[in-house]
Amino acid sequence: MSFSTLVLKVAAEIAYYKGLIKDTEGASGIEYAVIAAMVAVVIAGISSGVGEDIRTVFGNIRTALVPSS
């Protein structure tokens, strides 16, 4: 391989990596993943309290509908 061919290959590699650095297309996918993770954390935090409230409401309904013996 001649020196000029090596220089051209190195220049092409440098141009390729510069293009990767400027590429922002993948950033939006990462941003969506971060937002989805935050929503999942919020839902997980809320769901334990909501689940207990729903259980209480259905318990009250069952008590009201089932006659005590």
N, C-alpha and C. Protein backbone atom coordinates (compact mmCIF):
# COMPACT_ATOMS: atom_id res chain seq x y z
N MET A 1 0.85 -1.17 0.00
CA MET A 1 0.00 0.00 0.00
C MET A 1 0.90 1.23 0.00
N SER A 2 0.59 2.15 -0.86
CA SER A 2 1.42 3.34 -0.98
C SER A 2 1.01 4.36 0.08
N PHE A 3 1.89 5.31 0.29
CA PHE A 3 1.64 6.34 1.28
C PHE A 3 0.41 7.17 0.94
N SER A 4 0.24 7.49 -0.32
CA SER A 4 -0.91 8.32 -0.72
C SER A 4 -2.23 7.56 -0.51
N THR A 5 -2.24 6.27 -0.73
CA THR A 5 -3.44 5.46 -0.49
C THR A 5 -3.76 5.43 1.00
N LEU A 6 -2.73 5.31 1.82
CA LEU A 6 -2.91 5.30 3.27
C LEU A 6 -3.48 6.64 3.74
N VAL A 7 -2.94 7.72 3.20
CA VAL A 7 -3.43 9.05 3.56
C VAL A 7 -4.89 9.21 3.17
N LEU A 8 -5.27 8.74 2.01
CA LEU A 8 -6.67 8.82 1.57
C LEU A 8 -7.59 8.00 2.48
N LYS A 9 -7.14 6.81 2.89
CA LYS A 9 -7.94 5.98 3.78
C LYS A 9 -8.12 6.64 5.14
N VAL A 10 -7.05 7.21 5.66
CA VAL A 10 -7.14 7.90 6.96
C VAL A 10 -8.06 9.11 6.85
N ALA A 11 -7.95 9.86 5.76
CA ALA A 11 -8.82 11.02 5.56
C ALA A 11 -10.29 10.60 5.46
N ALA A 12 -10.53 9.48 4.81
CA ALA A 12 -11.90 8.98 4.69
C ALA A 12 -12.43 8.56 6.06
N GLU A 13 -11.62 7.92 6.87
CA GLU A 13 -12.03 7.51 8.22
C GLU A 13 -12.32 8.72 9.09
N ILE A 14 -11.47 9.73 8.99
CA ILE A 14 -11.69 10.96 9.77
C ILE A 14 -13.01 11.61 9.36
N ALA A 15 -13.27 11.67 8.07
CA ALA A 15 -14.53 12.25 7.59
C ALA A 15 -15.72 11.43 8.08
N TYR A 16 -15.59 10.12 8.10
CA TYR A 16 -16.67 9.25 8.57
C TYR A 16 -16.98 9.53 10.04
N TYR A 17 -15.95 9.58 10.88
CA TYR A 17 -16.17 9.81 12.31
C TYR A 17 -16.65 11.23 12.60
N LYS A 18 -16.25 12.20 11.82
CA LYS A 18 -16.78 13.55 11.98
C LYS A 18 -18.27 13.57 11.66
N GLY A 19 -18.66 12.81 10.65
CA GLY A 19 -20.08 12.70 10.31
C GLY A 19 -20.88 12.06 11.42
N LEU A 20 -20.30 11.05 12.08
CA LEU A 20 -20.99 10.41 13.20
C LEU A 20 -21.18 11.38 14.37
N ILE A 21 -20.18 12.20 14.60
CA ILE A 21 -20.28 13.15 15.70
C ILE A 21 -21.40 14.16 15.45
N LYS A 22 -21.56 14.59 14.21
CA LYS A 22 -22.58 15.58 13.87
C LYS A 22 -23.98 14.99 13.76
N ASP A 23 -24.08 13.66 13.63
CA ASP A 23 -25.37 13.00 13.46
C ASP A 23 -26.15 13.05 14.77
N THR A 24 -27.35 13.62 14.73
CA THR A 24 -28.19 13.73 15.92
C THR A 24 -29.46 12.91 15.79
N GLU A 25 -29.57 12.08 14.80
CA GLU A 25 -30.79 11.31 14.58
C GLU A 25 -31.05 10.32 15.70
N GLY A 26 -30.03 9.69 16.23
CA GLY A 26 -30.20 8.72 17.31
C GLY A 26 -30.53 9.37 18.64
N ALA A 27 -30.25 10.65 18.77
CA ALA A 27 -30.50 11.34 20.04
C ALA A 27 -31.98 11.38 20.37
N SER A 28 -32.84 11.53 19.38
CA SER A 28 -34.26 11.58 19.69
C SER A 28 -34.75 10.25 20.22
N GLY A 29 -34.21 9.14 19.74
CA GLY A 29 -34.59 7.84 20.26
C GLY A 29 -34.19 7.68 21.72
N ILE A 30 -33.01 8.17 22.05
CA ILE A 30 -32.56 8.12 23.44
C ILE A 30 -33.43 9.01 24.32
N GLU A 31 -33.80 10.17 23.82
CA GLU A 31 -34.66 11.07 24.59
C GLU A 31 -36.01 10.42 24.86
N TYR A 32 -36.58 9.76 23.85
CA TYR A 32 -37.85 9.08 24.05
C TYR A 32 -37.72 7.95 25.08
N ALA A 33 -36.61 7.25 25.07
CA ALA A 33 -36.40 6.18 26.04
C ALA A 33 -36.30 6.73 27.46
N VAL A 34 -35.63 7.87 27.62
CA VAL A 34 -35.51 8.49 28.94
C VAL A 34 -36.88 8.95 29.42
N ILE A 35 -37.67 9.55 28.54
CA ILE A 35 -39.02 10.00 28.91
C ILE A 35 -39.89 8.80 29.30
N ALA A 36 -39.81 7.71 28.53
CA ALA A 36 -40.59 6.51 28.85
C ALA A 36 -40.18 5.94 30.20
N ALA A 37 -38.89 5.97 30.50
CA ALA A 37 -38.42 5.47 31.79
C ALA A 37 -38.94 6.33 32.93
N MET A 38 -38.95 7.65 32.75
CA MET A 38 -39.48 8.54 33.79
C MET A 38 -40.96 8.31 34.01
N VAL A 39 -41.72 8.13 32.93
CA VAL A 39 -43.15 7.85 33.06
C VAL A 39 -43.36 6.53 33.79
N ALA A 40 -42.56 5.52 33.49
CA ALA A 40 -42.69 4.23 34.17
C ALA A 40 -42.41 4.35 35.66
N VAL A 41 -41.42 5.16 36.03
CA VAL A 41 -41.11 5.36 37.44
C VAL A 41 -42.27 6.05 38.15
N VAL A 42 -42.85 7.06 37.51
CA VAL A 42 -43.98 7.77 38.11
C VAL A 42 -45.17 6.83 38.27
N ILE A 43 -45.46 6.04 37.25
CA ILE A 43 -46.58 5.09 37.33
C ILE A 43 -46.33 4.07 38.43
N ALA A 44 -45.11 3.58 38.54
CA ALA A 44 -44.79 2.61 39.59
C ALA A 44 -44.95 3.24 40.97
N GLY A 45 -44.58 4.50 41.10
CA GLY A 45 -44.72 5.18 42.39
C GLY A 45 -46.16 5.43 42.76
N ILE A 46 -46.97 5.75 41.79
CA ILE A 46 -48.38 6.05 42.05
C ILE A 46 -49.21 4.78 42.22
N SER A 47 -48.85 3.73 41.49
CA SER A 47 -49.70 2.55 41.44
C SER A 47 -49.86 1.86 42.78
N SER A 48 -48.86 1.89 43.63
CA SER A 48 -49.01 1.22 44.92
C SER A 48 -50.07 1.90 45.77
N GLY A 49 -50.10 3.21 45.78
CA GLY A 49 -51.13 3.93 46.53
C GLY A 49 -52.49 3.81 45.90
N VAL A 50 -52.57 3.85 44.60
CA VAL A 50 -53.84 3.74 43.89
C VAL A 50 -54.41 2.34 44.06
N GLY A 51 -53.54 1.34 44.00
CA GLY A 51 -54.00 -0.05 44.16
C GLY A 51 -54.66 -0.26 45.51
N GLU A 52 -54.10 0.30 46.55
CA GLU A 52 -54.68 0.17 47.89
C GLU A 52 -56.02 0.90 47.97
N ASP A 53 -56.12 2.06 47.34
CA ASP A 53 -57.39 2.80 47.33
C ASP A 53 -58.47 2.03 46.58
N ILE A 54 -58.12 1.43 45.46
CA ILE A 54 -59.09 0.65 44.69
C ILE A 54 -59.55 -0.57 45.49
N ARG A 55 -58.62 -1.22 46.16
CA ARG A 55 -58.95 -2.36 47.00
C ARG A 55 -59.94 -1.96 48.10
N THR A 56 -59.75 -0.79 48.70
CA THR A 56 -60.65 -0.29 49.74
C THR A 56 -62.03 -0.01 49.17
N VAL A 57 -62.09 0.63 47.99
CA VAL A 57 -63.39 0.94 47.37
C VAL A 57 -64.15 -0.35 47.08
N PHE A 58 -63.49 -1.35 46.48
CA PHE A 58 -64.18 -2.60 46.18
C PHE A 58 -64.56 -3.34 47.47
N GLY A 59 -63.77 -3.22 48.49
CA GLY A 59 -64.13 -3.81 49.79
C GLY A 59 -65.39 -3.17 50.35
N ASN A 60 -65.49 -1.86 50.22
CA ASN A 60 -66.69 -1.16 50.69
C ASN A 60 -67.92 -1.57 49.88
N ILE A 61 -67.76 -1.72 48.58
CA ILE A 61 -68.87 -2.13 47.72
C ILE A 61 -69.30 -3.55 48.09
N ARG A 62 -68.35 -4.43 48.29
CA ARG A 62 -68.69 -5.81 48.67
C ARG A 62 -69.42 -5.84 50.00
N THR A 63 -68.96 -5.04 50.96
CA THR A 63 -69.62 -5.00 52.27
C THR A 63 -71.04 -4.48 52.14
N ALA A 64 -71.23 -3.50 51.27
CA ALA A 64 -72.58 -2.95 51.08
C ALA A 64 -73.49 -3.91 50.36
N LEU A 65 -72.98 -4.72 49.45
CA LEU A 65 -73.82 -5.61 48.64
C LEU A 65 -74.09 -6.95 49.31
N VAL A 66 -73.13 -7.46 50.05
CA VAL A 66 -73.31 -8.76 50.68
C VAL A 66 -73.93 -8.57 52.06
N PRO A 67 -75.11 -9.16 52.25
CA PRO A 67 -75.75 -9.00 53.56
C PRO A 67 -74.95 -9.74 54.63
N SER A 68 -74.83 -9.11 55.77
CA SER A 68 -74.09 -9.76 56.86
C SER A 68 -74.98 -10.82 57.49
N SER A 69 -74.37 -11.93 57.90
CA SER A 69 -75.19 -13.01 58.45
C SER A 69 -75.15 -13.04 59.97
